[in-house]
Amino acid sequence: MPERRGIQATDEIKAEWATAYKFYMKAPGDRYDKKKDRTSRIDFVAQEMNLTRKQAKRRIRNYEAWQRNIKKGVASP
């Protein structure tokens, strides 16, 4: 369904993804180990936004996919 990318999520949902990603970027991580770095950052997002780890991970993943689709020209910002 490439024609539906970026249309299904509302602006409030996209704002929540962006907020989660801002927390993700400012989170402390382990710069020597990529896997531990991402895990600790996602844990930080979950703690800051009062979410479960799975919810935080999904918000980060959705934001990253949304940005990739914008870059490809498939979705709108």
Protein backbone atom coordinates (compact mmCIF):
# COMPACT_ATOMS: atom_id res chain seq x y z
CA MET A 1 0.00 0.00 0.00
CA PRO A 2 2.57 2.63 -0.94
CA GLU A 3 -0.16 5.10 -1.84
CA ARG A 4 -1.38 5.13 1.82
CA ARG A 5 2.01 5.82 3.42
CA GLY A 6 1.97 8.85 5.66
CA ILE A 7 -1.79 9.32 5.29
CA GLN A 8 -3.04 6.82 7.87
CA ALA A 9 -1.32 8.45 10.86
CA THR A 10 -2.88 11.65 12.17
CA ASP A 11 -0.90 14.78 12.99
CA GLU A 12 -1.19 14.04 16.74
CA ILE A 13 0.31 10.61 16.23
CA LYS A 14 3.16 12.03 14.14
CA ALA A 15 3.79 14.65 16.84
CA GLU A 16 4.05 11.87 19.42
CA TRP A 17 6.56 10.04 17.21
CA ALA A 18 8.61 13.23 16.89
CA THR A 19 8.55 13.77 20.66
CA ALA A 20 9.69 10.20 21.27
CA TYR A 21 12.51 10.64 18.75
CA LYS A 22 13.66 13.86 20.46
CA PHE A 23 13.91 11.97 23.74
CA TYR A 24 15.72 9.18 21.88
CA MET A 25 18.32 11.56 20.49
CA LYS A 26 19.07 13.23 23.83
CA ALA A 27 19.17 9.95 25.75
CA PRO A 28 22.46 8.68 27.13
CA GLY A 29 23.70 5.54 25.46
CA ASP A 30 26.69 3.25 25.11
CA ARG A 31 28.70 4.70 22.27
CA TYR A 32 30.95 1.64 21.98
CA ASP A 33 28.21 -0.94 21.48
CA LYS A 34 25.46 -0.25 18.92
CA LYS A 35 22.98 -2.77 20.31
CA LYS A 36 23.32 -1.62 23.92
CA ASP A 37 23.19 2.00 22.75
CA ARG A 38 19.81 1.59 21.03
CA THR A 39 18.44 -0.52 23.88
CA SER A 40 19.38 2.00 26.55
CA ARG A 41 18.02 4.89 24.48
CA ILE A 42 14.68 3.13 23.97
CA ASP A 43 14.52 2.39 27.71
CA PHE A 44 15.07 6.10 28.39
CA VAL A 45 12.22 7.06 26.02
CA ALA A 46 9.92 4.56 27.72
CA GLN A 47 10.76 5.99 31.13
CA GLU A 48 10.34 9.63 30.06
CA MET A 49 7.02 9.10 28.28
CA ASN A 50 5.62 6.57 30.79
CA LEU A 51 5.29 3.87 28.15
CA THR A 52 6.23 0.23 27.98
CA ARG A 53 9.46 -0.57 26.22
CA LYS A 54 7.58 -2.11 23.30
CA GLN A 55 5.46 1.04 22.82
CA ALA A 56 8.54 3.26 22.90
CA LYS A 57 10.35 1.05 20.41
CA ARG A 58 7.38 1.12 18.05
CA ARG A 59 7.19 4.95 18.19
CA ILE A 60 10.89 5.27 17.37
CA ARG A 61 10.63 2.74 14.55
CA ASN A 62 7.55 4.44 13.10
CA TYR A 63 9.28 7.84 13.17
CA GLU A 64 12.35 6.47 11.39
CA ALA A 65 10.23 4.76 8.72
CA TRP A 66 8.19 7.95 8.26
CA GLN A 67 11.37 9.95 7.69
CA ARG A 68 12.65 7.37 5.17
CA ASN A 69 9.37 7.59 3.28
CA ILE A 70 9.54 11.40 3.22
CA LYS A 71 13.06 11.17 1.82
CA LYS A 72 11.87 8.78 -0.90
CA GLY A 73 9.03 11.15 -1.74
CA VAL A 74 6.36 8.62 -0.85
CA ALA A 75 4.99 10.35 2.28
CA SER A 76 4.37 13.99 3.07
CA PRO A 77 5.98 15.71 6.08
